[in-house]
PDB file of N, CA and C in Angstrom:
ATOM      1  N   MET A   1      -2.881  15.680   6.765  1.00  0.00           N
ATOM      2  CA  MET A   1      -3.761  14.909   6.013  1.00  0.00           C
ATOM      3  C   MET A   1      -2.890  14.289   4.812  1.00  0.00           C
ATOM      4  N   LEU A   2      -2.988  12.866   4.769  1.00  0.00           N
ATOM      5  CA  LEU A   2      -2.463  12.239   3.762  1.00  0.00           C
ATOM      6  C   LEU A   2      -3.390  11.179   3.158  1.00  0.00           C
ATOM      7  N   LEU A   3      -3.829  11.473   1.826  1.00  0.00           N
ATOM      8  CA  LEU A   3      -4.710  10.608   1.214  1.00  0.00           C
ATOM      9  C   LEU A   3      -4.003   9.721   0.049  1.00  0.00           C
ATOM     10  N   ASN A   4      -4.411   8.462   0.267  1.00  0.00           N
ATOM     11  CA  ASN A   4      -3.857   7.532  -0.825  1.00  0.00           C
ATOM     12  C   ASN A   4      -5.095   7.339  -1.838  1.00  0.00           C
ATOM     13  N   ILE A   5      -4.879   7.883  -3.096  1.00  0.00           N
ATOM     14  CA  ILE A   5      -5.897   7.893  -4.151  1.00  0.00           C
ATOM     15  C   ILE A   5      -5.615   6.864  -5.202  1.00  0.00           C
ATOM     16  N   ASN A   6      -6.372   5.861  -5.417  1.00  0.00           N
ATOM     17  CA  ASN A   6      -6.143   5.001  -6.673  1.00  0.00           C
ATOM     18  C   ASN A   6      -7.212   5.066  -7.570  1.00  0.00           C
ATOM     19  N   VAL A   7      -6.839   5.305  -8.887  1.00  0.00           N
ATOM     20  CA  VAL A   7      -7.943   5.432  -9.852  1.00  0.00           C
ATOM     21  C   VAL A   7      -7.857   4.187 -10.691  1.00  0.00           C
ATOM     22  N   PRO A   8      -9.057   3.680 -11.176  1.00  0.00           N
ATOM     23  CA  PRO A   8      -9.081   2.620 -12.062  1.00  0.00           C
ATOM     24  C   PRO A   8      -8.571   2.898 -13.465  1.00  0.00           C
ATOM     25  N   PHE A   9      -8.014   1.940 -14.156  1.00  0.00           N
ATOM     26  CA  PHE A   9      -7.523   2.178 -15.515  1.00  0.00           C
ATOM     27  C   PHE A   9      -8.587   1.992 -16.392  1.00  0.00           C
ATOM     28  N   LEU A  10      -9.402   3.120 -16.326  1.00  0.00           N
ATOM     29  CA  LEU A  10     -10.560   2.980 -17.320  1.00  0.00           C
ATOM     30  C   LEU A  10     -10.881   4.431 -17.954  1.00  0.00           C
ATOM     31  N   PRO A  11     -11.708   4.416 -19.060  1.00  0.00           N
ATOM     32  CA  PRO A  11     -11.909   5.776 -19.503  1.00  0.00           C
ATOM     33  C   PRO A  11     -12.758   6.636 -18.489  1.00  0.00           C
ATOM     34  N   LEU A  12     -12.773   7.725 -18.308  1.00  0.00           N
ATOM     35  CA  LEU A  12     -13.310   8.520 -17.344  1.00  0.00           C
ATOM     36  C   LEU A  12     -14.869   8.266 -17.323  1.00  0.00           C
ATOM     37  N   ALA A  13     -15.374   8.135 -18.378  1.00  0.00           N
ATOM     38  CA  ALA A  13     -16.958   7.782 -18.526  1.00  0.00           C
ATOM     39  C   ALA A  13     -17.331   6.555 -17.937  1.00  0.00           C
ATOM     40  N   GLU A  14     -16.403   5.562 -17.823  1.00  0.00           N
ATOM     41  CA  GLU A  14     -16.766   4.223 -17.377  1.00  0.00           C
ATOM     42  C   GLU A  14     -16.410   4.127 -15.773  1.00  0.00           C
ATOM     43  N   CYS A  15     -15.852   5.160 -15.245  1.00  0.00           N
ATOM     44  CA  CYS A  15     -15.589   5.276 -13.729  1.00  0.00           C
ATOM     45  C   CYS A  15     -17.020   5.421 -13.197  1.00  0.00           C
ATOM     46  N   LYS A  16     -17.124   4.406 -12.035  1.00  0.00           N
ATOM     47  CA  LYS A  16     -18.561   4.397 -11.309  1.00  0.00           C
ATOM     48  C   LYS A  16     -18.613   5.388 -10.267  1.00  0.00           C
ATOM     49  N   GLY A  17     -17.723   6.096  -9.727  1.00  0.00           N
ATOM     50  CA  GLY A  17     -17.915   7.079  -8.596  1.00  0.00           C
ATOM     51  C   GLY A  17     -16.523   6.835  -7.826  1.00  0.00           C
ATOM     52  N   VAL A  18     -16.776   7.386  -6.519  1.00  0.00           N
ATOM     53  CA  VAL A  18     -15.680   7.373  -5.590  1.00  0.00           C
ATOM     54  C   VAL A  18     -16.109   6.692  -4.441  1.00  0.00           C
ATOM     55  N   ARG A  19     -15.202   5.793  -3.628  1.00  0.00           N
ATOM     56  CA  ARG A  19     -15.425   5.209  -2.354  1.00  0.00           C
ATOM     57  C   ARG A  19     -14.345   5.612  -1.485  1.00  0.00           C
ATOM     58  N   ILE A  20     -14.736   5.931  -0.194  1.00  0.00           N
ATOM     59  CA  ILE A  20     -13.732   5.963   0.946  1.00  0.00           C
ATOM     60  C   ILE A  20     -13.292   4.545   1.396  1.00  0.00           C
ATOM     61  N   THR A  21     -12.272   4.233   1.444  1.00  0.00           N
ATOM     62  CA  THR A  21     -11.933   2.892   1.687  1.00  0.00           C
ATOM     63  C   THR A  21     -10.857   2.924   2.733  1.00  0.00           C
ATOM     64  N   ARG A  22     -10.336   1.571   3.066  1.00  0.00           N
ATOM     65  CA  ARG A  22      -9.391   1.246   3.954  1.00  0.00           C
ATOM     66  C   ARG A  22      -8.408   0.484   2.961  1.00  0.00           C
ATOM     67  N   LEU A  23      -7.052   0.296   3.501  1.00  0.00           N
ATOM     68  CA  LEU A  23      -6.109  -0.268   2.788  1.00  0.00           C
ATOM     69  C   LEU A  23      -6.457  -1.805   2.670  1.00  0.00           C
ATOM     70  N   GLY A  24      -6.064  -2.348   1.580  1.00  0.00           N
ATOM     71  CA  GLY A  24      -6.345  -3.821   1.416  1.00  0.00           C
ATOM     72  C   GLY A  24      -4.881  -4.582   1.859  1.00  0.00           C
ATOM     73  N   THR A  25      -5.196  -5.856   1.891  1.00  0.00           N
ATOM     74  CA  THR A  25      -4.125  -6.663   2.313  1.00  0.00           C
ATOM     75  C   THR A  25      -3.787  -7.735   1.271  1.00  0.00           C
ATOM     76  N   ARG A  26      -2.306  -7.834   1.349  1.00  0.00           N
ATOM     77  CA  ARG A  26      -1.913  -8.886   0.341  1.00  0.00           C
ATOM     78  C   ARG A  26      -2.121 -10.245   0.837  1.00  0.00           C
ATOM     79  N   ALA A  27      -2.537 -11.236  -0.060  1.00  0.00           N
ATOM     80  CA  ALA A  27      -2.712 -12.499   0.227  1.00  0.00           C
ATOM     81  C   ALA A  27      -1.435 -13.317   0.209  1.00  0.00           C
ATOM     82  N   SER A  28      -0.574 -12.908  -0.640  1.00  0.00           N
ATOM     83  CA  SER A  28       0.533 -13.747  -0.725  1.00  0.00           C
ATOM     84  C   SER A  28       1.739 -12.663  -1.106  1.00  0.00           C
ATOM     85  N   THR A  29       2.931 -12.941  -0.598  1.00  0.00           N
ATOM     86  CA  THR A  29       4.154 -12.028  -0.992  1.00  0.00           C
ATOM     87  C   THR A  29       5.171 -12.816  -1.521  1.00  0.00           C
ATOM     88  N   ARG A  30       5.046 -13.136  -2.696  1.00  0.00           N
ATOM     89  CA  ARG A  30       6.177 -13.946  -3.520  1.00  0.00           C
ATOM     90  C   ARG A  30       7.262 -12.924  -3.782  1.00  0.00           C
ATOM     91  N   THR A  31       8.180 -12.562  -2.871  1.00  0.00           N
ATOM     92  CA  THR A  31       9.172 -11.613  -3.147  1.00  0.00           C
ATOM     93  C   THR A  31      10.543 -12.365  -3.616  1.00  0.00           C
ATOM     94  N   ARG A  32      11.256 -11.770  -4.354  1.00  0.00           N
ATOM     95  CA  ARG A  32      12.556 -12.329  -4.683  1.00  0.00           C
ATOM     96  C   ARG A  32      13.605 -11.102  -4.702  1.00  0.00           C
ATOM     97  N   TRP A  33      14.710 -11.313  -4.647  1.00  0.00           N
ATOM     98  CA  TRP A  33      15.801 -10.214  -4.698  1.00  0.00           C
ATOM     99  C   TRP A  33      16.377 -10.456  -5.968  1.00  0.00           C
ATOM    100  N   VAL A  34      16.608  -9.435  -6.671  1.00  0.00           N
ATOM    101  CA  VAL A  34      17.349  -9.457  -8.083  1.00  0.00           C
ATOM    102  C   VAL A  34      18.617  -8.559  -7.959  1.00  0.00           C
ATOM    103  N   ARG A  35      19.736  -9.185  -8.104  1.00  0.00           N
ATOM    104  CA  ARG A  35      20.935  -8.609  -7.807  1.00  0.00           C
ATOM    105  C   ARG A  35      21.466  -7.870  -9.328  1.00  0.00           C
ATOM    106  N   ASN A  36      21.767  -6.638  -9.238  1.00  0.00           N
ATOM    107  CA  ASN A  36      22.392  -6.098 -10.336  1.00  0.00           C
ATOM    108  C   ASN A  36      23.563  -5.285  -9.928  1.00  0.00           C
ATOM    109  N   VAL A  37      24.186  -4.669 -10.958  1.00  0.00           N
ATOM    110  CA  VAL A  37      25.353  -3.811 -10.754  1.00  0.00           C
ATOM    111  C   VAL A  37      25.178  -2.537 -11.338  1.00  0.00           C
ATOM    112  N   ASP A  38      25.399  -1.351 -10.674  1.00  0.00           N
ATOM    113  CA  ASP A  38      25.172  -0.051 -11.090  1.00  0.00           C
ATOM    114  C   ASP A  38      26.411   0.386 -11.906  1.00  0.00           C
ATOM    115  N   PRO A  39      26.219   1.482 -12.775  1.00  0.00           N
ATOM    116  CA  PRO A  39      27.154   2.068 -13.427  1.00  0.00           C
ATOM    117  C   PRO A  39      28.552   2.222 -13.094  1.00  0.00           C
ATOM    118  N   ARG A  40      28.809   2.078 -11.706  1.00  0.00           N
ATOM    119  CA  ARG A  40      30.007   2.330 -10.908  1.00  0.00           C
ATOM    120  C   ARG A  40      30.595   0.901 -10.353  1.00  0.00           C
ATOM    121  N   GLY A  41      29.816  -0.040 -10.993  1.00  0.00           N
ATOM    122  CA  GLY A  41      30.470  -1.421 -10.617  1.00  0.00           C
ATOM    123  C   GLY A  41      29.966  -1.974  -9.231  1.00  0.00           C
ATOM    124  N   ARG A  42      29.107  -1.230  -8.475  1.00  0.00           N
ATOM    125  CA  ARG A  42      28.507  -1.545  -7.194  1.00  0.00           C
ATOM    126  C   ARG A  42      27.229  -2.548  -7.292  1.00  0.00           C
ATOM    127  N   ASP A  43      27.250  -3.359  -6.517  1.00  0.00           N
ATOM    128  CA  ASP A  43      26.011  -4.166  -6.324  1.00  0.00           C
ATOM    129  C   ASP A  43      24.770  -3.487  -5.806  1.00  0.00           C
ATOM    130  N   TYR A  44      23.829  -3.753  -6.318  1.00  0.00           N
ATOM    131  CA  TYR A  44      22.496  -3.267  -5.660  1.00  0.00           C
ATOM    132  C   TYR A  44      21.413  -4.347  -6.009  1.00  0.00           C
ATOM    133  N   PHE A  45      20.324  -4.223  -5.039  1.00  0.00           N
ATOM    134  CA  PHE A  45      19.397  -5.343  -4.956  1.00  0.00           C
ATOM    135  C   PHE A  45      18.168  -4.677  -5.516  1.00  0.00           C
ATOM    136  N   TRP A  46      17.258  -5.434  -6.143  1.00  0.00           N
ATOM    137  CA  TRP A  46      15.848  -4.843  -6.627  1.00  0.00           C
ATOM    138  C   TRP A  46      14.952  -5.777  -5.916  1.00  0.00           C
ATOM    139  N   ILE A  47      14.129  -5.365  -5.074  1.00  0.00           N
ATOM    140  CA  ILE A  47      13.097  -6.364  -4.529  1.00  0.00           C
ATOM    141  C   ILE A  47      12.003  -6.249  -5.335  1.00  0.00           C
ATOM    142  N   GLY A  48      11.688  -7.619  -6.120  1.00  0.00           N
ATOM    143  CA  GLY A  48      10.733  -7.669  -7.010  1.00  0.00           C
ATOM    144  C   GLY A  48      10.184  -9.056  -6.784  1.00  0.00           C
ATOM    145  N   GLY A  49       9.768  -9.782  -7.849  1.00  0.00           N
ATOM    146  CA  GLY A  49       9.134 -10.899  -7.920  1.00  0.00           C
ATOM    147  C   GLY A  49       7.935 -10.908  -8.695  1.00  0.00           C
ATOM    148  N   GLU A  50       7.114 -11.729  -8.518  1.00  0.00           N
ATOM    149  CA  GLU A  50       5.529 -11.844  -9.184  1.00  0.00           C
ATOM    150  C   GLU A  50       4.820 -10.533  -8.599  1.00  0.00           C
ATOM    151  N   ASP A  51       3.606 -10.312  -9.413  1.00  0.00           N
ATOM    152  CA  ASP A  51       2.766  -9.113  -8.898  1.00  0.00           C
ATOM    153  C   ASP A  51       2.010  -9.739  -7.748  1.00  0.00           C
ATOM    154  N   PRO A  52       1.812  -8.938  -6.907  1.00  0.00           N
ATOM    155  CA  PRO A  52       1.468  -9.240  -5.658  1.00  0.00           C
ATOM    156  C   PRO A  52      -0.185  -9.673  -5.951  1.00  0.00           C
ATOM    157  N   VAL A  53      -0.737 -10.501  -4.939  1.00  0.00           N
ATOM    158  CA  VAL A  53      -1.899 -11.091  -5.107  1.00  0.00           C
ATOM    159  C   VAL A  53      -2.844 -10.479  -3.915  1.00  0.00           C
ATOM    160  N   TRP A  54      -3.948  -9.611  -4.125  1.00  0.00           N
ATOM    161  CA  TRP A  54      -4.530  -8.912  -3.057  1.00  0.00           C
ATOM    162  C   TRP A  54      -5.854  -9.677  -2.673  1.00  0.00           C
ATOM    163  N   ARG A  55      -6.086  -9.608  -1.293  1.00  0.00           N
ATOM    164  CA  ARG A  55      -7.308 -10.103  -0.843  1.00  0.00           C
ATOM    165  C   ARG A  55      -8.434  -9.299  -1.124  1.00  0.00           C
ATOM    166  N   PRO A  56      -9.523  -9.809  -1.852  1.00  0.00           N
ATOM    167  CA  PRO A  56     -10.593  -8.863  -2.390  1.00  0.00           C
ATOM    168  C   PRO A  56     -11.717  -8.616  -1.439  1.00  0.00           C
ATOM    169  N   ASP A  57     -11.167  -8.140  -0.163  1.00  0.00           N
ATOM    170  CA  ASP A  57     -12.191  -7.886   0.869  1.00  0.00           C
ATOM    171  C   ASP A  57     -13.020  -6.514   0.561  1.00  0.00           C
ATOM    172  N   GLU A  58     -14.190  -6.638   0.841  1.00  0.00           N
ATOM    173  CA  GLU A  58     -15.237  -5.494   0.585  1.00  0.00           C
ATOM    174  C   GLU A  58     -14.690  -4.257   1.372  1.00  0.00           C
ATOM    175  N   GLY A  59     -14.769  -3.114   0.964  1.00  0.00           N
ATOM    176  CA  GLY A  59     -14.370  -1.880   1.530  1.00  0.00           C
ATOM    177  C   GLY A  59     -12.924  -1.426   1.560  1.00  0.00           C
ATOM    178  N   THR A  60     -12.166  -2.408   0.729  1.00  0.00           N
ATOM    179  CA  THR A  60     -10.734  -2.190   0.599  1.00  0.00           C
ATOM    180  C   THR A  60     -10.520  -1.272  -0.832  1.00  0.00           C
ATOM    181  N   ASP A  61      -9.292  -0.672  -0.674  1.00  0.00           N
ATOM    182  CA  ASP A  61      -8.912   0.140  -1.849  1.00  0.00           C
ATOM    183  C   ASP A  61      -8.692  -0.804  -3.062  1.00  0.00           C
ATOM    184  N   PHE A  62      -8.227  -1.979  -2.935  1.00  0.00           N
ATOM    185  CA  PHE A  62      -8.156  -2.893  -4.054  1.00  0.00           C
ATOM    186  C   PHE A  62      -9.500  -3.247  -4.582  1.00  0.00           C
ATOM    187  N   HIS A  63     -10.315  -3.655  -3.688  1.00  0.00           N
ATOM    188  CA  HIS A  63     -11.884  -4.226  -4.218  1.00  0.00           C
ATOM    189  C   HIS A  63     -12.560  -3.142  -5.059  1.00  0.00           C
ATOM    190  N   SER A  64     -12.433  -1.771  -4.400  1.00  0.00           N
ATOM    191  CA  SER A  64     -13.182  -0.725  -4.957  1.00  0.00           C
ATOM    192  C   SER A  64     -12.708  -0.389  -6.405  1.00  0.00           C
ATOM    193  N   VAL A  65     -11.349  -0.244  -6.524  1.00  0.00           N
ATOM    194  CA  VAL A  65     -10.657  -0.084  -7.885  1.00  0.00           C
ATOM    195  C   VAL A  65     -11.025  -1.157  -8.610  1.00  0.00           C
ATOM    196  N   ASP A  66     -10.978  -2.378  -8.397  1.00  0.00           N
ATOM    197  CA  ASP A  66     -11.115  -3.567  -9.087  1.00  0.00           C
ATOM    198  C   ASP A  66     -12.599  -3.395  -9.653  1.00  0.00           C
ATOM    199  N   ALA A  67     -13.698  -2.935  -8.759  1.00  0.00           N
ATOM    200  CA  ALA A  67     -14.896  -2.758  -9.184  1.00  0.00           C
ATOM    201  C   ALA A  67     -15.290  -1.420 -10.034  1.00  0.00           C
ATOM    202  N   GLY A  68     -14.208  -0.646 -10.337  1.00  0.00           N
ATOM    203  CA  GLY A  68     -14.380   0.484 -11.243  1.00  0.00           C
ATOM    204  C   GLY A  68     -14.585   1.749 -10.570  1.00  0.00           C
ATOM    205  N   TYR A  69     -14.274   1.790  -9.188  1.00  0.00           N
ATOM    206  CA  TYR A  69     -14.426   3.062  -8.551  1.00  0.00           C
ATOM    207  C   TYR A  69     -12.970   3.599  -8.020  1.00  0.00           C
ATOM    208  N   VAL A  70     -13.013   4.957  -7.968  1.00  0.00           N
ATOM    209  CA  VAL A  70     -11.864   5.726  -7.486  1.00  0.00           C
ATOM    210  C   VAL A  70     -11.749   5.388  -5.928  1.00  0.00           C
ATOM    211  N   SER A  71     -10.770   4.983  -5.350  1.00  0.00           N
ATOM    212  CA  SER A  71     -10.507   4.667  -3.939  1.00  0.00           C
ATOM    213  C   SER A  71      -9.747   5.861  -3.228  1.00  0.00           C
ATOM    214  N   ILE A  72     -10.329   6.349  -1.947  1.00  0.00           N
ATOM    215  CA  ILE A  72      -9.605   7.357  -1.225  1.00  0.00           C
ATOM    216  C   ILE A  72      -9.407   6.849   0.060  1.00  0.00           C
ATOM    217  N   THR A  73      -8.186   6.528   0.581  1.00  0.00           N
ATOM    218  CA  THR A  73      -7.861   6.049   1.825  1.00  0.00           C
ATOM    219  C   THR A  73      -7.134   6.947   2.547  1.00  0.00           C
ATOM    220  N   PRO A  74      -7.785   7.455   3.669  1.00  0.00           N
ATOM    221  CA  PRO A  74      -7.090   8.425   4.618  1.00  0.00           C
ATOM    222  C   PRO A  74      -5.991   7.687   5.385  1.00  0.00           C
ATOM    223  N   LEU A  75      -4.673   8.233   5.478  1.00  0.00           N
ATOM    224  CA  LEU A  75      -3.664   7.468   6.100  1.00  0.00           C
ATOM    225  C   LEU A  75      -3.037   8.311   7.311  1.00  0.00           C
ATOM    226  N   GLN A  76      -2.223   7.739   8.083  1.00  0.00           N
ATOM    227  CA  GLN A  76      -1.690   8.273   8.944  1.00  0.00           C
ATOM    228  C   GLN A  76      -0.262   7.985   9.132  1.00  0.00           C
ATOM    229  N   LEU A  77       0.747   8.806   9.377  1.00  0.00           N
ATOM    230  CA  LEU A  77       1.965   8.640   9.383  1.00  0.00           C
ATOM    231  C   LEU A  77       2.595   8.188  10.717  1.00  0.00           C
ATOM    232  N   GLU A  78       1.959   8.602  11.899  1.00  0.00           N
ATOM    233  CA  GLU A  78       2.588   8.358  13.292  1.00  0.00           C
ATOM    234  C   GLU A  78       2.615   6.878  13.542  1.00  0.00           C
ATOM    235  N   LEU A  79       3.652   6.289  13.677  1.00  0.00           N
ATOM    236  CA  LEU A  79       3.883   4.900  13.878  1.00  0.00           C
ATOM    237  C   LEU A  79       4.169   4.747  15.378  1.00  0.00           C
ATOM    238  N   THR A  80       4.519   5.677  16.096  1.00  0.00           N
ATOM    239  CA  THR A  80       5.060   5.539  17.551  1.00  0.00           C
ATOM    240  C   THR A  80       3.967   5.174  18.380  1.00  0.00           C
ATOM    241  N   ASP A  81       4.250   3.962  19.139  1.00  0.00           N
ATOM    242  CA  ASP A  81       3.316   3.586  20.264  1.00  0.00           C
ATOM    243  C   ASP A  81       3.414   4.545  21.283  1.00  0.00           C
ATOM    244  N   GLN A  82       2.418   5.500  21.339  1.00  0.00           N
ATOM    245  CA  GLN A  82       2.500   6.360  22.404  1.00  0.00           C
ATOM    246  C   GLN A  82       2.376   5.811  23.735  1.00  0.00           C
ATOM    247  N   VAL A  83       1.469   4.885  23.852  1.00  0.00           N
ATOM    248  CA  VAL A  83       1.368   4.297  25.247  1.00  0.00           C
ATOM    249  C   VAL A  83       2.463   3.626  25.869  1.00  0.00           C
ATOM    250  N   LEU A  84       3.191   2.933  24.882  1.00  0.00           N
ATOM    251  CA  LEU A  84       4.339   2.249  25.287  1.00  0.00           C
ATOM    252  C   LEU A  84       5.525   3.349  25.588  1.00  0.00           C
ATOM    253  N   ARG A  85       5.542   4.471  24.803  1.00  0.00           N
ATOM    254  CA  ARG A  85       6.351   5.465  24.926  1.00  0.00           C
ATOM    255  C   ARG A  85       6.381   6.094  26.498  1.00  0.00           C
ATOM    256  N   ALA A  86       5.138   6.360  26.909  1.00  0.00           N
ATOM    257  CA  ALA A  86       4.962   6.935  27.941  1.00  0.00           C
ATOM    258  C   ALA A  86       5.247   6.141  29.103  1.00  0.00           C
ATOM    259  N   ASP A  87       4.944   4.794  28.926  1.00  0.00           N
ATOM    260  CA  ASP A  87       5.481   3.862  30.046  1.00  0.00           C
ATOM    261  C   ASP A  87       6.957   3.851  30.193  1.00  0.00           C
ATOM    262  N   MET A  88       7.628   3.815  29.014  1.00  0.00           N
ATOM    263  CA  MET A  88       9.036   3.729  29.033  1.00  0.00           C
ATOM    264  C   MET A  88       9.798   4.958  29.538  1.00  0.00           C
ATOM    265  N   MET A  89       9.010   6.070  29.532  1.00  0.00           N
ATOM    266  CA  MET A  89       9.549   7.353  30.010  1.00  0.00           C
ATOM    267  C   MET A  89       9.741   7.167  31.549  1.00  0.00           C
ATOM    268  N   SER A  90       8.841   6.275  32.189  1.00  0.00           N
ATOM    269  CA  SER A  90       8.720   6.168  33.692  1.00  0.00           C
ATOM    270  C   SER A  90       9.878   5.189  34.101  1.00  0.00           C
ATOM    271  N   TRP A  91      10.563   4.535  33.260  1.00  0.00           N
ATOM    272  CA  TRP A  91      11.570   3.610  33.452  1.00  0.00           C
ATOM    273  C   TRP A  91      12.766   4.148  34.158  1.00  0.00           C
ATOM    274  N   GLY A  92      12.977   5.452  33.808  1.00  0.00           N
ATOM    275  CA  GLY A  92      14.164   6.196  34.410  1.00  0.00           C
ATOM    276  C   GLY A  92      15.464   5.651  33.664  1.00  0.00           C
TER     277      GLY A  92
END
């Protein structure tokens, strides 16, 4: 079991409760790459940019936290397409 829990930045007394949610979706991704140099002189890149803009869809983690609720979203880690995998196994 993996739970993604987001808590609004409010005093505890102002928190309205808990909602079981789904993950929200970014409305835009204005990402930029920032090049830096580490202490050993090697380049590294920081993926950054502007703060993300989230779609305020009802039932999402973002919407709930923005409304003053703790958001709990159950997640799954298995990304394998099991149907396609089974089909591919028969390819020989």
